[in-house]
Protein backbone atom coordinates (compact mmCIF):
# COMPACT_ATOMS: atom_id res chain seq x y z
CA MET A 1 46.19 20.71 41.95
CA SER A 2 43.26 18.29 40.84
CA ARG A 3 42.95 15.40 43.01
CA GLU A 4 40.97 13.65 40.43
CA ASN A 5 43.32 11.05 39.15
CA LEU A 6 45.26 10.54 42.49
CA LEU A 7 45.28 6.80 43.35
CA PHE A 8 45.32 5.45 46.88
CA TYR A 9 44.17 8.56 48.38
CA GLU A 10 40.17 8.80 49.00
CA GLY A 11 39.05 5.64 51.11
CA ASP A 12 40.41 3.67 53.94
CA MET A 13 41.48 -0.16 52.95
CA ASP A 14 41.42 -1.48 56.53
CA ALA A 15 37.44 -0.02 57.01
CA THR A 16 36.39 -1.80 53.85
CA LEU A 17 37.95 -5.13 54.80
CA ARG A 18 35.98 -4.72 58.49
CA THR A 19 32.98 -4.30 56.73
CA HIS A 20 33.51 -7.00 54.20
CA GLN A 21 34.39 -9.34 57.11
CA ALA A 22 31.06 -8.10 59.34
CA SER A 23 28.86 -9.65 56.43
CA ILE A 24 30.10 -13.29 57.65
CA VAL A 25 26.95 -13.67 59.89
CA THR A 26 24.60 -12.58 57.05
CA ARG A 27 25.82 -14.66 54.46
CA ILE A 28 25.65 -17.75 56.70
CA ASP A 29 22.03 -16.87 57.91
CA SER A 30 21.12 -16.47 54.15
CA ILE A 31 21.80 -20.44 53.53
CA PRO A 32 18.24 -21.97 53.75
CA ARG A 33 17.82 -23.92 57.01
CA ASP A 34 17.89 -27.49 55.38
CA GLN A 35 20.49 -27.04 52.95
CA PHE A 36 22.53 -25.52 55.86
CA LEU A 37 22.12 -28.31 58.30
CA ASN A 38 22.57 -30.93 55.76
CA THR A 39 25.92 -29.56 54.63
CA SER A 40 29.25 -30.48 56.56
CA ILE A 41 30.78 -27.66 58.55
CA GLU A 42 34.13 -28.31 56.46
CA GLU A 43 32.00 -27.47 53.20
CA LEU A 44 30.02 -24.84 54.63
CA THR A 45 33.45 -23.30 55.87
CA GLN A 46 35.09 -23.66 52.39
CA HIS A 47 31.79 -21.87 50.49
CA ILE A 48 31.77 -18.80 52.94
CA LEU A 49 35.36 -18.69 52.33
CA SER A 50 35.51 -18.26 48.74
CA THR A 51 32.94 -15.56 48.77
CA LEU A 52 34.72 -14.02 51.01
CA LEU A 53 38.29 -14.22 49.60
CA ILE A 54 39.61 -11.16 47.96
CA GLU A 55 41.93 -10.51 44.83
CA PRO A 56 44.56 -7.98 45.41
CA LEU A 57 45.47 -5.87 42.69
CA THR A 58 48.07 -7.19 39.92
CA LEU A 59 49.98 -5.03 37.66
CA TYR A 60 51.36 -6.89 34.42
CA GLU A 61 53.93 -4.33 33.55
CA ASP A 62 55.51 -7.04 31.02
CA ARG A 63 52.37 -6.47 29.24
CA ALA A 64 52.69 -2.68 28.96
CA GLU A 65 51.97 -0.67 25.83
CA MET A 66 52.92 2.93 24.84
CA GLU A 67 51.49 5.64 22.66
CA GLN A 68 53.18 9.09 21.95
CA ARG A 69 51.81 12.22 20.16
CA GLU A 70 52.49 15.67 19.88
CA THR A 71 50.55 18.44 22.00
CA LYS A 72 50.64 22.18 23.50
CA ILE A 73 51.70 22.52 26.95
CA ASP A 74 50.92 25.62 29.29
CA VAL A 75 54.51 26.66 30.83
CA SER A 76 52.92 29.48 32.73
CA GLY A 77 53.52 28.00 35.97
CA TRP A 78 57.23 27.01 35.10
CA ARG A 79 59.50 29.67 36.47
CA ASP A 80 62.37 28.97 34.04
CA ARG A 81 60.10 29.64 31.07
CA ASN A 82 57.92 32.35 32.67
CA PRO A 83 60.42 34.44 35.06
CA PHE A 84 57.90 37.59 35.01
CA LEU A 85 54.98 35.40 36.07
CA ASP A 86 52.97 36.28 33.29
CA PRO A 87 49.45 34.98 34.05
CA GLY A 88 49.31 32.97 31.10
CA PRO A 89 48.32 30.60 29.40
CA ILE A 90 51.62 30.16 27.62
CA TYR A 91 51.53 27.34 25.19
CA VAL A 92 54.90 25.69 23.66
CA ALA A 93 55.25 22.63 21.37
CA GLY A 94 55.29 19.37 23.52
CA ILE A 95 55.10 15.61 23.65
CA GLU A 96 52.76 13.64 25.44
CA VAL A 97 53.44 10.11 26.41
CA VAL A 98 50.62 7.53 27.46
CA VAL A 99 51.93 4.39 29.16
CA MET A 100 48.94 1.65 29.49
CA ILE A 101 49.60 -1.31 31.76
CA PRO A 102 47.20 -4.29 32.10
CA TYR A 103 45.77 -5.04 35.87
CA SER A 104 43.68 -7.54 37.40
CA GLY A 105 41.65 -7.04 40.68
CA ASP A 106 38.66 -4.76 41.70
CA GLN A 107 39.11 -1.09 40.14
CA SER A 108 37.60 0.56 43.52
CA PHE A 109 41.05 -0.65 45.13
CA TRP A 110 43.10 2.00 43.22
CA LYS A 111 41.37 4.64 45.65
CA LEU A 112 41.80 2.70 48.84
CA ARG A 113 44.69 3.58 51.03
CA PRO A 114 46.51 0.78 52.68
CA ASN A 115 47.75 0.83 56.33
CA SER A 116 51.17 1.58 54.98
CA TRP A 117 51.45 4.81 53.00
CA GLN A 118 53.56 7.69 52.19
CA SER A 119 53.03 11.44 51.81
CA VAL A 120 53.40 11.04 48.14
CA PHE A 121 50.47 9.67 46.20
CA PRO A 122 50.79 8.40 42.69
CA ARG A 123 48.65 9.67 39.55
CA ALA A 124 47.17 7.68 36.87
CA ASP A 125 43.85 7.10 34.90
CA VAL A 126 42.01 3.94 35.91
CA CYS A 127 39.78 2.11 33.19
CA GLY A 128 37.61 -0.61 34.66
CA THR A 129 38.08 -4.46 34.10
CA GLY A 130 36.32 -6.07 31.05
CA ARG A 131 34.41 -9.75 31.15
CA ASP A 132 37.97 -11.12 30.95
CA GLY A 133 38.70 -9.50 34.34
CA ILE A 134 41.57 -7.27 33.13
CA GLY A 135 41.25 -3.46 33.20
CA GLN A 136 44.01 -0.55 32.18
CA LEU A 137 46.18 1.99 33.99
CA GLN A 138 47.02 4.80 32.10
CA ILE A 139 49.96 6.87 33.34
CA VAL A 140 49.85 10.13 31.34
CA LEU A 141 53.43 12.13 31.15
CA SER A 142 53.89 15.23 29.12
CA GLN A 143 56.67 17.86 28.67
CA PRO A 144 58.37 20.40 26.20
CA ALA A 145 59.48 18.97 22.99
CA ASP A 146 62.67 20.57 23.73
CA GLU A 147 63.21 19.01 27.09
CA ALA A 148 65.69 15.84 27.34
CA PRO A 149 63.90 12.73 26.45
CA GLU A 150 65.49 10.83 29.24
CA ARG A 151 63.07 12.87 31.62
CA PHE A 152 60.25 10.78 30.42
CA LYS A 153 62.01 7.70 31.91
CA ALA A 154 63.11 9.37 35.13
CA ARG A 155 59.34 10.38 35.57
CA LEU A 156 57.76 7.02 34.64
CA ASP A 157 60.10 5.04 37.10
CA GLU A 158 59.17 7.47 39.81
CA GLU A 159 55.53 6.97 39.33
CA LEU A 160 55.78 3.24 38.85
CA ASN A 161 57.82 2.75 41.77
CA ASN A 162 54.93 4.74 44.12
CA ILE A 163 52.51 2.62 42.47
CA ARG A 164 54.16 -0.45 43.37
CA PHE A 165 54.97 0.67 47.03
CA TYR A 166 51.13 0.93 47.46
CA VAL A 167 49.98 -2.31 45.26
CA ASP A 168 52.42 -4.21 47.65
CA ALA A 169 51.23 -2.90 50.78
CA GLN A 170 47.69 -3.39 50.08
CA ARG A 171 48.72 -7.06 49.00
CA ARG A 172 50.06 -7.69 52.36
CA GLN A 173 46.97 -6.09 54.12
CA ILE A 174 44.70 -8.62 51.78
CA GLU A 175 46.74 -11.58 52.44
CA GLN A 176 46.39 -11.28 56.09
CA PHE A 177 42.64 -10.72 56.03
CA ASN A 178 42.00 -13.57 53.69
CA ASP A 179 44.51 -15.99 55.96
CA GLY A 180 42.28 -14.67 59.22
CA LEU A 181 38.75 -15.47 57.87
CA THR A 182 38.46 -19.22 58.63
CA VAL A 183 38.22 -18.74 62.35
CA PRO A 184 35.22 -16.04 62.60
CA ILE A 185 33.64 -18.25 59.80
CA ARG A 186 33.67 -21.27 61.75
CA VAL A 187 32.57 -19.60 64.93
CA ALA A 188 29.36 -17.98 63.01
CA ILE A 189 28.57 -21.61 61.78
CA ALA A 190 28.83 -23.19 64.97
CA ALA A 191 26.74 -20.25 66.74
CA ARG A 192 24.01 -20.74 63.98
CA ARG A 193 23.88 -24.60 64.58
CA GLU A 194 23.43 -23.82 68.27
CA ARG A 195 20.55 -21.51 67.52
CA LEU A 196 18.96 -23.97 65.36
CA LYS A 197 19.49 -27.08 68.04
CA LYS A 198 17.51 -24.91 70.58
CA ASN A 199 14.82 -23.86 68.03
CA GLU A 200 14.39 -27.99 67.59
CA ASP A 201 14.49 -28.31 71.26
CA ILE A 202 11.81 -25.82 71.89
CA LYS A 203 9.68 -27.61 69.01
CA ASP A 204 10.10 -31.19 70.92
CA LEU A 205 9.16 -29.53 73.96
CA LEU A 206 6.00 -28.13 72.73
CA GLY A 207 5.10 -30.93 70.47
CA ILE A 208 3.83 -28.75 67.84
CA PRO A 209 5.86 -28.63 64.39
CA LEU A 210 6.99 -25.22 63.52
CA LYS A 211 5.94 -24.11 59.42
CA GLN A 212 9.26 -24.05 57.59
CA ARG A 213 10.30 -21.21 55.42
CA GLU A 214 11.29 -22.10 52.33
CA GLY A 215 14.49 -19.74 52.62
CA THR A 216 15.73 -16.23 53.08
CA PRO A 217 16.12 -13.97 50.36
CA PRO A 218 19.57 -13.55 48.94
CA VAL A 219 21.62 -10.51 50.40
CA GLU A 220 23.13 -8.33 47.71
CA PRO A 221 26.90 -8.66 48.27
CA ILE A 222 29.55 -6.12 48.75
CA LYS A 223 31.27 -5.37 45.30
CA LEU A 224 34.61 -6.93 46.14
CA THR A 225 36.55 -9.17 43.46
CA ARG A 226 36.59 -12.72 44.98
CA MET A 227 37.80 -16.13 43.93
CA LEU A 228 35.81 -18.96 42.40
CA VAL A 229 32.63 -19.65 44.79
CA ARG A 230 32.42 -23.05 45.91
CA PRO A 231 28.64 -24.28 45.28
CA LEU A 232 26.93 -25.99 48.32
CA PRO A 233 25.48 -29.55 47.99
CA PRO A 234 21.74 -29.22 47.16
CA PRO A 235 19.16 -29.43 49.86
CA PRO A 236 17.47 -32.79 50.58
CA LYS A 237 14.22 -33.34 48.73
CA THR A 238 12.56 -34.38 51.84
CA GLY A 239 13.75 -31.39 54.08
CA TYR A 240 16.04 -31.73 57.04
CA GLN A 241 15.26 -34.59 59.63
CA PRO A 242 17.35 -34.64 62.62
CA GLU A 243 19.46 -37.92 62.85
CA PRO A 244 21.56 -39.65 65.42
CA GLY A 245 25.26 -40.34 64.68
CA ILE A 246 28.41 -41.21 66.58
CA THR A 247 30.19 -37.96 67.81
CA ASP A 248 33.45 -37.00 66.41
CA GLU A 249 35.26 -38.04 69.86
CA ASP A 250 34.03 -41.72 69.36
CA TYR A 251 34.88 -41.76 66.02
CA LYS A 252 38.63 -40.87 66.80
CA HIS A 253 38.59 -43.61 69.68
CA ILE A 254 37.18 -46.18 67.24
CA LEU A 255 39.60 -45.47 64.92
CA SER A 256 42.09 -45.85 67.45
CA VAL A 257 40.99 -49.29 68.48
CA ILE A 258 41.09 -50.35 64.89
CA ARG A 259 44.95 -48.99 64.57
CA HIS A 260 45.86 -50.80 67.80
CA GLU A 261 44.57 -54.23 66.70
CA GLY A 262 46.28 -53.54 63.02
CA ARG A 263 49.59 -52.62 64.56
CA THR A 264 49.17 -56.01 66.60
CA PHE A 265 48.69 -58.04 63.53
CA GLU A 266 51.25 -56.31 61.84
CA ALA A 267 54.05 -57.05 64.76
CA THR A 268 53.32 -61.01 64.74
CA PRO A 269 52.25 -61.27 60.93
CA LYS A 270 52.39 -65.15 60.73
CA THR A 271 49.62 -65.37 63.37
CA TYR A 272 47.05 -63.43 61.22
CA VAL A 273 48.15 -64.09 57.60
CA VAL A 274 46.23 -67.69 57.92
CA HIS A 275 42.72 -65.67 58.37
CA ASP A 276 40.52 -64.71 55.76
CA GLU A 277 38.45 -61.36 55.40
CA GLU A 278 35.73 -62.64 57.89
CA GLU A 279 37.94 -63.92 60.50
CA LEU A 280 40.13 -60.90 60.53
CA ARG A 281 36.84 -58.87 60.65
CA ASP A 282 35.81 -60.80 63.79
CA ILE A 283 38.92 -60.42 65.46
CA LEU A 284 38.41 -56.59 65.24
CA LEU A 285 34.90 -56.96 65.91
CA ALA A 286 35.55 -58.77 69.21
CA HIS A 287 37.85 -55.90 70.33
CA LEU A 288 35.50 -53.20 69.35
CA ASN A 289 32.61 -54.35 71.20
CA GLY A 290 35.05 -54.61 74.08
CA HIS A 291 35.34 -51.11 74.39
CA TYR A 292 31.44 -50.14 73.44
CA GLN A 293 27.91 -51.65 74.54
CA GLY A 294 25.20 -51.53 72.73
CA ALA A 295 21.54 -50.74 74.08
CA ALA A 296 19.66 -54.05 72.92
CA SER A 297 21.85 -56.87 72.23
CA GLY A 298 24.86 -55.94 74.42
CA GLU A 299 26.92 -55.22 71.20
CA ALA A 300 27.43 -51.92 69.69
CA PHE A 301 29.15 -53.30 66.45
CA ARG A 302 27.40 -56.13 64.67
CA ARG A 303 27.99 -58.00 61.46
CA SER A 304 26.29 -57.06 58.31
CA GLY A 305 27.25 -58.90 55.10
CA LYS A 306 30.41 -60.74 54.58
CA THR A 307 33.36 -58.48 55.68
CA ASP A 308 31.46 -55.33 57.20
CA ILE A 309 31.17 -54.05 60.86
CA ARG A 310 28.41 -51.72 61.43
CA ILE A 311 26.70 -49.21 64.05
CA GLU A 312 22.96 -49.47 63.32
CA ASP A 313 19.58 -48.14 64.31
CA GLN A 314 16.24 -48.70 62.17
CA ASN A 315 18.28 -50.50 59.65
CA ARG A 316 20.40 -47.38 58.77
CA ALA A 317 24.17 -46.83 59.36
CA ALA A 318 25.94 -44.47 61.30
CA PHE A 319 29.11 -46.13 61.27
CA VAL A 320 30.55 -48.80 58.68
CA ALA A 321 33.89 -50.49 58.62
CA GLU A 322 34.76 -52.91 55.51
CA CYS A 323 37.43 -55.38 55.74
CA LYS A 324 39.32 -56.23 52.45
CA VAL A 325 42.15 -58.34 51.63
CA TRP A 326 44.16 -56.26 48.99
CA ARG A 327 43.79 -57.61 45.43
CA GLY A 328 44.50 -54.64 43.29
CA LYS A 329 43.04 -51.45 42.34
CA LYS A 330 39.61 -52.65 40.67
CA GLU A 331 38.68 -54.41 43.94
CA LEU A 332 39.71 -51.42 45.98
CA ALA A 333 37.13 -49.21 43.93
CA ALA A 334 34.51 -51.78 43.86
CA ALA A 335 34.70 -51.67 47.72
CA ILE A 336 34.78 -48.13 47.84
CA ASP A 337 31.50 -48.49 46.05
CA GLN A 338 29.81 -50.82 48.37
CA LEU A 339 30.81 -48.75 51.46
CA LEU A 340 29.13 -45.45 49.90
CA GLY A 341 26.15 -47.68 48.78
CA TYR A 342 24.81 -48.42 52.28
CA LEU A 343 21.81 -46.65 53.70
CA THR A 344 23.77 -43.92 55.81
CA TRP A 345 22.54 -41.37 58.20
CA ARG A 346 23.62 -38.07 57.04
CA ASP A 347 26.92 -37.70 59.51
CA CYS A 348 28.06 -41.13 58.52
CA LYS A 349 31.52 -41.69 59.34
CA ALA A 350 33.27 -45.17 57.68
CA ALA A 351 36.45 -47.06 57.82
CA LEU A 352 37.87 -48.79 54.88
CA ILE A 353 40.64 -51.52 56.33
CA ILE A 354 42.77 -53.12 53.80
CA PHE A 355 45.23 -56.21 54.78
CA ASN A 356 48.05 -56.74 52.84
CA LYS A 357 48.94 -60.68 52.61
CA ASN A 358 50.00 -61.46 49.40
CA ASN A 359 52.07 -58.49 48.23
CA ALA A 360 55.80 -58.36 48.92
CA LYS A 361 56.01 -54.97 47.69
CA PHE A 362 54.18 -53.06 50.31
CA THR A 363 55.45 -49.49 49.25
CA GLU A 364 54.00 -49.82 45.79
CA LEU A 365 50.98 -50.82 47.03
CA LEU A 366 50.50 -47.71 49.46
CA SER A 367 50.91 -45.42 46.57
CA CYS A 368 47.98 -47.06 44.78
CA ILE A 369 45.45 -46.15 47.53
CA PRO A 370 45.58 -42.45 47.19
CA GLU A 371 45.13 -42.66 43.56
CA THR A 372 42.54 -44.82 43.62
CA LEU A 373 40.41 -43.12 45.94
CA GLN A 374 40.97 -39.47 44.68
CA ALA A 375 39.90 -40.85 41.03
CA HIS A 376 36.63 -42.17 42.52
CA GLU A 377 33.66 -40.30 41.10
CA LYS A 378 32.21 -39.58 44.30
CA PHE A 379 35.50 -38.29 45.95
CA ILE A 380 35.24 -34.62 47.27
CA GLN A 381 38.65 -34.00 48.99
CA VAL A 382 41.45 -35.47 50.99
CA LEU A 383 40.76 -34.43 54.83
CA SER A 384 43.81 -35.63 56.16
CA LYS A 385 46.94 -37.72 55.38
CA GLY A 386 47.70 -39.10 58.88
CA GLN A 387 50.33 -41.79 59.73
CA ASP A 388 52.02 -44.37 57.49
CA GLY A 389 49.26 -46.26 56.09
CA GLU A 390 46.49 -43.93 56.67
CA TRP A 391 44.26 -41.30 54.96
CA GLU A 392 40.91 -39.55 55.64
CA PHE A 393 38.84 -38.84 52.82
CA LEU A 394 35.47 -36.95 52.35
CA MET A 395 32.90 -38.76 49.66
CA THR A 396 29.60 -38.16 48.65
CA SER A 397 26.92 -40.88 49.54
CA ARG A 398 25.62 -43.06 46.37
CA GLU A 399 21.98 -42.44 47.52
CA ASP A 400 22.08 -38.66 47.76
CA ASP A 401 24.50 -36.31 46.67
CA ALA A 402 23.72 -34.22 49.86
CA ARG A 403 24.83 -36.59 52.03
CA GLN A 404 28.71 -37.11 52.86
CA VAL A 405 30.47 -39.73 54.28
CA ARG A 406 34.03 -39.68 56.02
CA VAL A 407 36.01 -42.56 54.86
CA HIS A 408 39.24 -43.55 57.17
CA VAL A 409 41.48 -45.93 55.23
CA PHE A 410 43.98 -48.23 57.04
CA VAL A 411 46.05 -50.46 55.33
CA PHE A 412 48.00 -52.91 57.46
CA ASN A 413 50.94 -55.19 56.35
CA ILE A 414 50.51 -58.87 57.42
CA TYR A 415 52.49 -60.58 54.64
CA ALA A 416 54.68 -63.18 55.75
CA ALA A 417 57.06 -64.75 53.35
């Protein structure tokens, strides 16, 4: 019997997925150096992940159609119709039914055997997907005209049950593969960053500038169906320049100091509600400088403008905290504009500290914060929703779309009736 239209028979799904995952390093290394270094780890991860995620096969049985026509059937192999085993062919009048079922997913998957399989493989003709991403599976059934019509239904149900078994087995395997991609992607990104850091160390040691390559040629991707690819930010016009910044560990500790002081404000609101924005800022500033010491002035954090706190070097900010009394959504949006408009380092981290002095309906105020931030034109994504009254957002600098700013938002309630 011909194997031409056997489904899930020829290839190994597991081997195909392993080959696909092995392309992670090549994909990461193909990103131009400047663009790679100026893109956050999270955004690199999401970009590479979007190029690797695989869409499993999906059958749309509710949109199936059928064609029926007369035909001739060779029954020389049927013992009940050819008891003397004449070599044939022996043709009789018959009926052929073609059931056409739309599907989405990569056409090649119909030939790949999943980890879970059985001794019987279904049969069907596969038509490739069009521009709309929809293909067609054609199940062809035929039998002599004098056979019971109910046989068509029984044979179709049997074939469809087999197909469903393999499609479901593939889906489980693909979902497990997709879920396991993030860790190896992050490991590969960290490995390339470490290699590039060593390259920078060698350049600094020798004191001779390296000739920079414009970028490696693109790698021909494995032809598997993927989700929408998330683009990377554009590379900086001036090329990548190493810039100092505060570590994630220091950032978390700075936020914990602000959190502790804010909770102190909330515990005794009448003590602090009498202060304006500048005075509240100065109280926080004093506590922050009690934890950190600067290289020159003895203070790591300094005042700049009316309400903000900064860590600066060469007039560029690596950390900015803006203190505001809540006066409505419009002023919150303006505060974000102000925060994102500062000259920032590539790895800038920021805090927006909001004090509620005048609004008795604090719960309603809390619902306004994420809505306003996510509606902002420079919003990228919500990084986390922490404790009550805290959020962390990833946003784009107003100066340069390649520069991104992590903004941790605090809301402290010092309202006193």
